[in-house]
N, C-alpha and C. Protein backbone atom coordinates (compact mmCIF):
# COMPACT_ATOMS: atom_id res chain seq x y z
N MET A 1 16.97 11.25 -1.41
CA MET A 1 15.84 10.75 -2.38
C MET A 1 16.13 11.46 -3.76
N THR A 2 16.14 10.37 -4.63
CA THR A 2 16.45 11.22 -5.95
C THR A 2 15.37 10.58 -6.98
N ILE A 3 14.68 11.31 -7.54
CA ILE A 3 13.27 11.23 -8.38
C ILE A 3 13.69 12.20 -9.70
N THR A 4 13.72 11.45 -10.67
CA THR A 4 14.25 12.34 -11.61
C THR A 4 12.95 12.94 -12.11
N GLU A 5 13.04 14.41 -13.05
CA GLU A 5 11.86 15.34 -13.40
C GLU A 5 10.76 14.53 -14.24
N PRO A 6 11.27 13.77 -14.95
CA PRO A 6 9.65 13.55 -15.75
C PRO A 6 8.79 12.57 -14.81
N VAL A 7 9.51 11.56 -13.73
CA VAL A 7 8.54 10.85 -12.27
C VAL A 7 8.25 11.88 -11.83
N ARG A 8 8.73 12.96 -11.46
CA ARG A 8 8.20 14.38 -10.70
C ARG A 8 6.87 14.67 -11.43
N ARG A 9 6.63 15.00 -12.57
CA ARG A 9 5.76 15.86 -13.13
C ARG A 9 4.95 14.26 -13.24
N LEU A 10 4.87 12.99 -13.19
CA LEU A 10 3.99 12.34 -13.15
C LEU A 10 3.18 11.99 -12.05
N LEU A 11 4.15 12.09 -10.80
CA LEU A 11 3.47 11.95 -9.68
C LEU A 11 2.89 13.19 -9.21
N ALA A 12 2.91 14.26 -9.59
CA ALA A 12 2.37 15.65 -9.69
C ALA A 12 0.87 15.64 -9.86
N GLN A 13 0.90 14.42 -11.02
CA GLN A 13 -0.67 14.44 -11.69
C GLN A 13 -1.19 13.17 -11.01
N ASP A 14 -1.00 12.36 -10.11
CA ASP A 14 -1.45 11.07 -9.73
C ASP A 14 -1.58 11.51 -8.17
N SER A 15 -3.12 11.13 -7.99
CA SER A 15 -3.25 11.46 -6.52
C SER A 15 -3.55 9.74 -5.66
N SER A 16 -3.26 8.82 -6.55
CA SER A 16 -3.92 7.23 -6.24
C SER A 16 -2.57 6.92 -4.92
N LEU A 17 -1.16 7.39 -5.22
CA LEU A 17 -0.53 7.11 -4.58
C LEU A 17 -0.76 6.90 -2.98
N ALA A 18 -0.95 8.44 -2.52
CA ALA A 18 -1.07 9.19 -1.18
C ALA A 18 -2.44 8.51 -0.76
N GLU A 19 -3.52 7.96 -1.39
CA GLU A 19 -4.77 7.10 -1.02
C GLU A 19 -4.58 5.77 -0.33
N PHE A 20 -3.54 5.18 -1.00
CA PHE A 20 -3.09 3.78 -0.47
C PHE A 20 -1.81 3.86 0.49
N GLY A 21 -1.17 5.20 1.08
CA GLY A 21 -0.10 5.56 2.02
C GLY A 21 1.11 4.94 1.30
N ILE A 22 1.52 4.98 -0.48
CA ILE A 22 2.51 4.76 -0.95
C ILE A 22 3.44 5.92 -1.18
N GLU A 23 5.01 5.88 -0.47
CA GLU A 23 6.00 6.53 -0.66
C GLU A 23 6.82 6.40 -1.77
N VAL A 24 7.41 7.34 -2.84
CA VAL A 24 8.33 6.69 -3.78
C VAL A 24 9.65 7.31 -3.10
N LEU A 25 10.25 6.35 -3.06
CA LEU A 25 11.91 6.47 -1.93
C LEU A 25 12.74 7.06 -3.12
N SER A 26 12.82 6.53 -4.40
CA SER A 26 13.44 6.75 -5.32
C SER A 26 13.38 6.58 -6.85
N ALA A 27 13.51 7.36 -7.92
CA ALA A 27 13.27 6.81 -9.20
C ALA A 27 14.22 7.28 -10.07
N GLY A 28 15.17 6.71 -10.96
CA GLY A 28 15.94 7.06 -11.70
C GLY A 28 16.88 6.34 -12.59
N GLU A 29 17.11 6.64 -13.78
CA GLU A 29 18.00 5.50 -14.89
C GLU A 29 17.27 3.98 -14.71
N GLY A 30 15.75 4.05 -15.01
CA GLY A 30 15.49 2.88 -15.16
C GLY A 30 15.07 2.27 -13.89
N ARG A 31 15.24 2.62 -12.72
CA ARG A 31 15.15 1.97 -11.34
C ARG A 31 13.96 2.89 -10.45
N ALA A 32 13.61 2.26 -9.62
CA ALA A 32 12.51 2.64 -8.87
C ALA A 32 12.58 2.10 -7.34
N VAL A 33 12.02 2.81 -6.26
CA VAL A 33 12.13 2.10 -4.93
C VAL A 33 10.96 2.90 -3.95
N LEU A 34 9.84 2.09 -3.80
CA LEU A 34 8.50 2.59 -3.51
C LEU A 34 8.23 2.07 -2.17
N HIS A 35 7.52 2.51 -1.06
CA HIS A 35 7.54 1.71 0.17
C HIS A 35 5.73 2.05 0.63
N MET A 36 5.43 1.36 1.16
CA MET A 36 4.13 1.42 2.05
C MET A 36 3.60 0.28 3.13
N VAL A 37 3.15 0.33 4.46
CA VAL A 37 2.48 0.02 5.40
C VAL A 37 1.51 -0.56 5.26
N ILE A 38 1.03 -1.56 5.33
CA ILE A 38 -0.05 -2.46 5.49
C ILE A 38 -0.94 -1.97 6.44
N ASP A 39 -1.93 -1.41 6.60
CA ASP A 39 -3.03 -0.96 7.45
C ASP A 39 -4.25 -1.51 7.30
N GLU A 40 -5.25 -1.26 8.31
CA GLU A 40 -6.45 -2.16 8.41
C GLU A 40 -7.37 -1.65 7.22
N SER A 41 -6.94 -0.73 6.83
CA SER A 41 -7.62 0.11 5.14
C SER A 41 -7.57 -0.67 4.12
N VAL A 42 -6.30 -1.54 4.14
CA VAL A 42 -6.09 -2.27 2.78
C VAL A 42 -5.93 -3.79 2.95
N ALA A 43 -6.54 -4.33 4.14
CA ALA A 43 -6.63 -5.52 4.57
C ALA A 43 -7.91 -6.46 3.80
N ASN A 44 -7.69 -7.27 3.60
CA ASN A 44 -8.76 -8.32 3.31
C ASN A 44 -9.34 -9.14 4.71
N GLY A 45 -10.25 -10.03 4.51
CA GLY A 45 -11.09 -10.68 5.70
C GLY A 45 -9.71 -11.72 6.32
N HIS A 46 -8.71 -11.80 5.98
CA HIS A 46 -8.02 -12.58 6.32
C HIS A 46 -6.87 -11.94 7.30
N ARG A 47 -6.91 -10.51 7.19
CA ARG A 47 -6.01 -9.57 7.57
C ARG A 47 -4.73 -9.57 7.12
N ILE A 48 -4.94 -9.96 6.06
CA ILE A 48 -3.63 -10.08 4.94
C ILE A 48 -4.04 -8.97 4.02
N ALA A 49 -3.03 -8.19 3.42
CA ALA A 49 -2.86 -7.08 2.33
C ALA A 49 -3.62 -7.76 1.04
N HIS A 50 -4.87 -7.01 0.79
CA HIS A 50 -5.50 -7.37 -0.57
C HIS A 50 -4.61 -7.76 -1.38
N GLY A 51 -4.49 -8.35 -2.43
CA GLY A 51 -3.67 -8.83 -3.73
C GLY A 51 -3.73 -7.50 -4.47
N GLY A 52 -4.92 -6.62 -4.43
CA GLY A 52 -5.05 -5.52 -5.35
C GLY A 52 -3.73 -4.66 -4.89
N VAL A 53 -3.57 -4.45 -3.63
CA VAL A 53 -2.98 -3.45 -2.99
C VAL A 53 -1.63 -3.64 -3.51
N ILE A 54 -1.36 -5.25 -3.48
CA ILE A 54 0.01 -5.26 -3.73
C ILE A 54 0.45 -4.88 -5.13
N TYR A 55 -0.25 -5.23 -6.38
CA TYR A 55 -0.46 -5.20 -7.41
C TYR A 55 -0.23 -3.47 -7.60
N VAL A 56 -0.99 -2.76 -6.90
CA VAL A 56 -0.83 -1.37 -7.01
C VAL A 56 0.49 -0.87 -6.68
N LEU A 57 0.77 -1.39 -5.59
CA LEU A 57 2.59 -1.05 -5.32
C LEU A 57 3.27 -1.36 -6.28
N ALA A 58 3.05 -2.37 -6.75
CA ALA A 58 4.34 -2.95 -7.73
C ALA A 58 4.10 -2.27 -9.45
N ASP A 59 2.92 -2.25 -10.06
CA ASP A 59 2.70 -1.45 -10.82
C ASP A 59 2.91 0.01 -10.70
N SER A 60 3.09 0.89 -9.81
CA SER A 60 3.48 2.24 -9.28
C SER A 60 5.07 2.11 -9.48
N ALA A 61 5.48 1.15 -8.90
CA ALA A 61 6.83 1.14 -8.78
C ALA A 61 7.51 0.98 -10.56
N PHE A 62 6.75 0.10 -11.06
CA PHE A 62 6.90 0.30 -12.74
C PHE A 62 6.83 1.37 -13.25
N ALA A 63 5.76 1.78 -13.31
CA ALA A 63 5.45 3.33 -13.89
C ALA A 63 6.66 4.14 -13.65
N CYS A 64 7.21 4.46 -12.36
CA CYS A 64 8.44 5.30 -11.95
C CYS A 64 9.53 4.69 -12.47
N ALA A 65 9.90 3.67 -12.80
CA ALA A 65 10.95 3.31 -13.35
C ALA A 65 11.24 3.28 -14.89
N ALA A 66 10.15 3.13 -15.43
CA ALA A 66 9.75 3.15 -16.89
C ALA A 66 10.00 4.45 -17.16
N ASN A 67 9.11 5.63 -16.59
CA ASN A 67 9.19 6.91 -16.75
C ASN A 67 10.12 7.15 -16.87
N SER A 68 11.30 7.04 -15.94
CA SER A 68 12.36 7.60 -15.45
C SER A 68 13.65 7.25 -16.58
N ARG A 69 13.16 6.18 -17.47
CA ARG A 69 13.94 5.86 -18.78
C ARG A 69 13.52 6.32 -19.66
N THR A 70 11.72 6.49 -19.75
CA THR A 70 11.13 6.80 -21.46
C THR A 70 9.81 7.34 -20.75
N PRO A 71 9.80 8.85 -20.68
CA PRO A 71 8.56 9.21 -20.35
C PRO A 71 7.42 9.10 -21.05
N GLY A 72 6.39 9.10 -20.64
CA GLY A 72 5.05 9.08 -21.03
C GLY A 72 4.81 7.43 -21.24
N THR A 73 5.45 6.60 -20.51
CA THR A 73 5.17 5.15 -20.24
C THR A 73 4.00 4.94 -19.66
N ALA A 74 3.39 4.08 -20.21
CA ALA A 74 1.90 3.42 -19.55
C ALA A 74 2.04 2.09 -19.33
N THR A 75 1.37 1.11 -18.65
CA THR A 75 1.21 -0.47 -18.46
C THR A 75 0.43 -0.97 -19.91
N ALA A 76 1.04 -1.72 -20.48
CA ALA A 76 0.50 -2.23 -21.65
C ALA A 76 0.01 -3.70 -21.48
N GLY A 77 0.84 -4.57 -20.34
CA GLY A 77 0.28 -5.67 -19.92
C GLY A 77 1.01 -5.74 -18.74
N ALA A 78 0.44 -6.69 -17.79
CA ALA A 78 1.60 -7.04 -16.53
C ALA A 78 0.89 -8.36 -16.11
N SER A 79 1.78 -9.24 -15.49
CA SER A 79 1.35 -10.28 -14.53
C SER A 79 1.77 -10.05 -13.04
N ILE A 80 1.55 -10.93 -12.10
CA ILE A 80 2.09 -10.65 -11.02
C ILE A 80 1.73 -12.15 -10.24
N GLU A 81 3.20 -12.71 -9.35
CA GLU A 81 2.68 -13.86 -8.67
C GLU A 81 3.02 -13.47 -7.32
N TYR A 82 2.38 -14.17 -6.16
CA TYR A 82 2.39 -13.84 -5.06
C TYR A 82 2.76 -15.26 -4.34
N TYR A 83 3.82 -15.00 -3.62
CA TYR A 83 4.52 -15.98 -3.06
C TYR A 83 4.34 -16.14 -1.33
N THR A 84 4.06 -15.04 -0.34
CA THR A 84 3.91 -14.81 0.71
C THR A 84 2.88 -13.61 0.87
N PRO A 85 1.96 -14.17 1.80
CA PRO A 85 1.02 -12.53 2.72
C PRO A 85 1.90 -11.94 3.23
N ALA A 86 1.50 -10.70 2.91
CA ALA A 86 1.77 -9.45 3.86
C ALA A 86 0.60 -9.10 4.94
N HIS A 87 1.31 -9.04 6.53
CA HIS A 87 0.17 -8.81 7.14
C HIS A 87 0.12 -7.36 7.83
N VAL A 88 -1.00 -7.13 8.18
CA VAL A 88 -1.23 -5.56 9.27
C VAL A 88 -0.24 -5.33 9.82
N GLY A 89 0.68 -4.00 9.46
CA GLY A 89 1.54 -3.76 10.27
C GLY A 89 2.85 -3.74 9.48
N GLU A 90 3.06 -4.65 8.33
CA GLU A 90 4.07 -5.21 7.68
C GLU A 90 4.57 -3.86 6.97
N GLU A 91 5.82 -3.49 6.64
CA GLU A 91 6.15 -2.54 5.49
C GLU A 91 6.67 -3.13 4.37
N LEU A 92 6.32 -2.95 3.32
CA LEU A 92 6.70 -3.15 1.96
C LEU A 92 7.55 -2.19 1.18
N VAL A 93 8.40 -3.11 0.61
CA VAL A 93 9.30 -2.35 -0.15
C VAL A 93 9.03 -2.78 -1.66
N ALA A 94 9.06 -2.07 -2.74
CA ALA A 94 8.56 -2.69 -4.08
C ALA A 94 10.00 -2.07 -4.80
N GLU A 95 10.90 -2.85 -5.54
CA GLU A 95 11.82 -2.46 -6.39
C GLU A 95 11.67 -2.83 -7.56
N ALA A 96 11.63 -1.83 -8.62
CA ALA A 96 11.66 -1.96 -9.69
C ALA A 96 13.10 -1.92 -10.81
N ILE A 97 13.07 -2.46 -11.56
CA ILE A 97 14.07 -2.18 -12.82
C ILE A 97 13.64 -2.46 -14.22
N VAL A 98 14.24 -1.88 -14.73
CA VAL A 98 13.76 -1.65 -16.39
C VAL A 98 15.19 -2.73 -16.95
N ARG A 99 14.46 -4.10 -17.39
CA ARG A 99 15.29 -4.96 -18.15
C ARG A 99 15.20 -4.52 -19.57
N HIS A 100 14.25 -4.01 -20.31
CA HIS A 100 14.59 -3.82 -21.59
C HIS A 100 13.89 -2.71 -22.15
N HIS A 101 14.28 -1.82 -22.88
CA HIS A 101 13.57 -0.57 -23.34
C HIS A 101 13.95 -0.04 -25.12
N THR A 102 13.37 -0.16 -25.74
CA THR A 102 13.39 0.46 -27.09
C THR A 102 12.25 1.07 -27.54
N GLY A 103 12.44 2.61 -28.11
CA GLY A 103 11.48 2.63 -29.02
C GLY A 103 10.10 3.02 -28.07
N ARG A 104 9.02 2.39 -28.55
CA ARG A 104 8.00 2.83 -27.42
C ARG A 104 7.88 1.64 -26.37
N HIS A 105 8.53 0.66 -26.57
CA HIS A 105 8.10 -0.55 -25.37
C HIS A 105 9.25 -0.75 -24.42
N SER A 106 8.91 -1.05 -23.39
CA SER A 106 9.53 -1.56 -22.41
C SER A 106 9.28 -2.96 -21.49
N LEU A 107 9.95 -3.34 -21.09
CA LEU A 107 9.95 -4.52 -20.13
C LEU A 107 10.54 -4.40 -18.62
N VAL A 108 9.70 -4.28 -17.64
CA VAL A 108 9.86 -3.87 -15.87
C VAL A 108 9.47 -5.00 -15.04
N ASP A 109 10.82 -5.46 -14.59
CA ASP A 109 10.68 -6.47 -13.56
C ASP A 109 10.33 -5.66 -12.00
N VAL A 110 9.77 -5.97 -11.09
CA VAL A 110 9.59 -5.52 -9.58
C VAL A 110 9.39 -6.77 -8.53
N THR A 111 10.24 -6.65 -7.66
CA THR A 111 9.98 -7.33 -6.50
C THR A 111 9.44 -6.49 -5.55
N VAL A 112 8.35 -7.13 -4.80
CA VAL A 112 8.03 -6.60 -3.46
C VAL A 112 8.44 -7.43 -2.24
N ARG A 113 8.77 -7.10 -1.27
CA ARG A 113 9.63 -7.56 -0.23
C ARG A 113 8.93 -7.02 0.97
N SER A 114 8.59 -7.78 2.35
CA SER A 114 8.76 -7.47 3.70
C SER A 114 9.77 -7.70 4.48
N GLY A 115 10.93 -6.93 4.34
CA GLY A 115 12.23 -7.10 5.08
C GLY A 115 13.00 -8.15 3.95
N PRO A 116 13.29 -8.99 4.03
CA PRO A 116 14.17 -9.86 3.32
C PRO A 116 13.24 -11.22 2.37
N ARG A 117 12.03 -10.97 2.74
CA ARG A 117 11.12 -12.19 2.62
C ARG A 117 10.51 -11.66 1.18
N VAL A 118 10.20 -12.63 -0.01
CA VAL A 118 9.60 -11.94 -1.26
C VAL A 118 7.77 -12.02 -1.03
N VAL A 119 7.15 -11.06 -0.99
CA VAL A 119 6.10 -11.55 -1.07
C VAL A 119 5.38 -11.33 -2.56
N ALA A 120 5.55 -10.78 -3.35
CA ALA A 120 5.55 -11.18 -5.01
C ALA A 120 6.62 -10.41 -6.08
N GLU A 121 6.01 -10.82 -7.31
CA GLU A 121 7.15 -10.45 -8.09
C GLU A 121 5.91 -10.14 -9.67
N TYR A 122 6.43 -9.07 -10.23
CA TYR A 122 5.63 -8.45 -10.83
C TYR A 122 6.37 -8.21 -12.19
N ARG A 123 5.97 -8.46 -13.40
CA ARG A 123 6.74 -8.44 -14.30
C ARG A 123 5.65 -7.43 -15.67
N GLY A 124 5.76 -6.26 -15.84
CA GLY A 124 5.24 -5.38 -16.68
C GLY A 124 5.80 -5.27 -17.99
N ARG A 125 4.93 -4.99 -19.25
CA ARG A 125 5.16 -4.67 -20.54
C ARG A 125 4.73 -3.02 -20.55
N GLY A 126 5.51 -2.25 -20.93
CA GLY A 126 5.05 -0.94 -21.01
C GLY A 126 5.13 -0.34 -22.37
N ALA A 127 4.24 1.04 -22.92
CA ALA A 127 4.13 1.75 -24.10
C ALA A 127 4.24 2.86 -23.79
N VAL A 128 5.10 3.57 -24.61
CA VAL A 128 4.34 4.79 -24.71
C VAL A 128 3.45 5.56 -25.36
N LEU A 129 2.60 6.12 -24.58
CA LEU A 129 1.65 6.91 -25.07
C LEU A 129 1.23 7.63 -26.36
N ARG A 130 0.33 7.38 -26.89
CA ARG A 130 0.57 8.47 -28.16
C ARG A 130 -0.16 9.54 -27.60
N ARG A 131 0.27 10.87 -28.14
CA ARG A 131 -0.28 11.98 -27.88
C ARG A 131 -1.91 11.93 -28.46
N PRO A 132 -2.71 13.05 -27.89
CA PRO A 132 -4.24 12.61 -28.48
C PRO A 132 -4.02 13.38 -29.79
N ASP A 133 -3.10 14.36 -30.23
CA ASP A 133 -3.17 14.76 -31.77
C ASP A 133 -2.52 13.88 -32.69
N SER A 134 -2.23 12.90 -32.11
CA SER A 134 -1.70 11.59 -33.09
C SER A 134 -2.62 10.39 -33.14
N ALA A 135 -3.80 10.27 -32.70
CA ALA A 135 -4.20 8.96 -32.18
C ALA A 135 -4.59 8.71 -33.67
N VAL A 136 -5.13 7.80 -33.62
CA VAL A 136 -5.65 7.15 -34.90
C VAL A 136 -7.38 7.69 -34.95
N GLY A 137 -7.61 7.79 -35.97
CA GLY A 137 -8.96 8.46 -36.05
C GLY A 137 -8.96 10.23 -35.51
N SER A 138 -7.85 10.46 -35.53
CA SER A 138 -8.11 12.00 -35.13
C SER A 138 -7.46 12.66 -36.42
N ARG A 139 -7.33 12.08 -37.41
CA ARG A 139 -6.68 12.62 -38.59
C ARG A 139 -7.88 12.54 -39.85
N THR A 140 -7.72 13.33 -40.56
CA THR A 140 -8.94 13.48 -41.52
C THR A 140 -8.76 12.33 -42.69
N ALA A 141 -9.44 12.05 -43.78
CA ALA A 141 -9.53 11.22 -44.67
C ALA A 141 -7.91 11.96 -45.67
N ASP A 142 -8.26 12.83 -45.69
CA ASP A 142 -7.08 13.51 -46.56
C ASP A 142 -5.60 13.36 -46.31
N GLN A 143 -5.57 13.34 -44.67
CA GLN A 143 -4.34 13.17 -44.32
C GLN A 143 -3.88 11.74 -44.30
N SER A 144 -5.01 10.75 -43.90
CA SER A 144 -4.90 9.44 -44.22
C SER A 144 -4.21 9.04 -45.09
N GLU A 145 -4.56 9.27 -46.20
CA GLU A 145 -4.31 9.13 -47.66
C GLU A 145 -2.74 9.45 -48.17
N GLU A 146 -2.31 10.46 -47.28
CA GLU A 146 -1.26 11.20 -47.45
C GLU A 146 0.05 10.07 -46.95
N ARG A 147 -0.21 9.03 -45.60
CA ARG A 147 0.70 8.52 -45.35
C ARG A 147 0.56 7.40 -46.57
């Protein structure tokens, strides 16, 4: 399992993955693979995985892939299409790949599968977060005029 250092630092600050039982199998060079098993705690009344849980898995894969390429990236926008349900007991694997990155922006595609069956496709836009000291509004009027 290879996980780049920027992603390791990100994961060290993220407790949400453990809450959902998500495991990062690999993350590097603009790619990531994550895994989870659907259990009763994330199933809805139809006994299938709640769509939000599949989104969390896909968005987490997005974050790992994007941050392996461009550290400091967060989701700026995303969409997901659900194709087949994931049932209690099924293992899901999310594979992410950075399709485009330049400057502060990136585009990442994620496919969520149960075995060979595609459960969902996610596409996310990433943007590198600004540091708090460079945020708009943190400058004084004099500093703003200098620009």
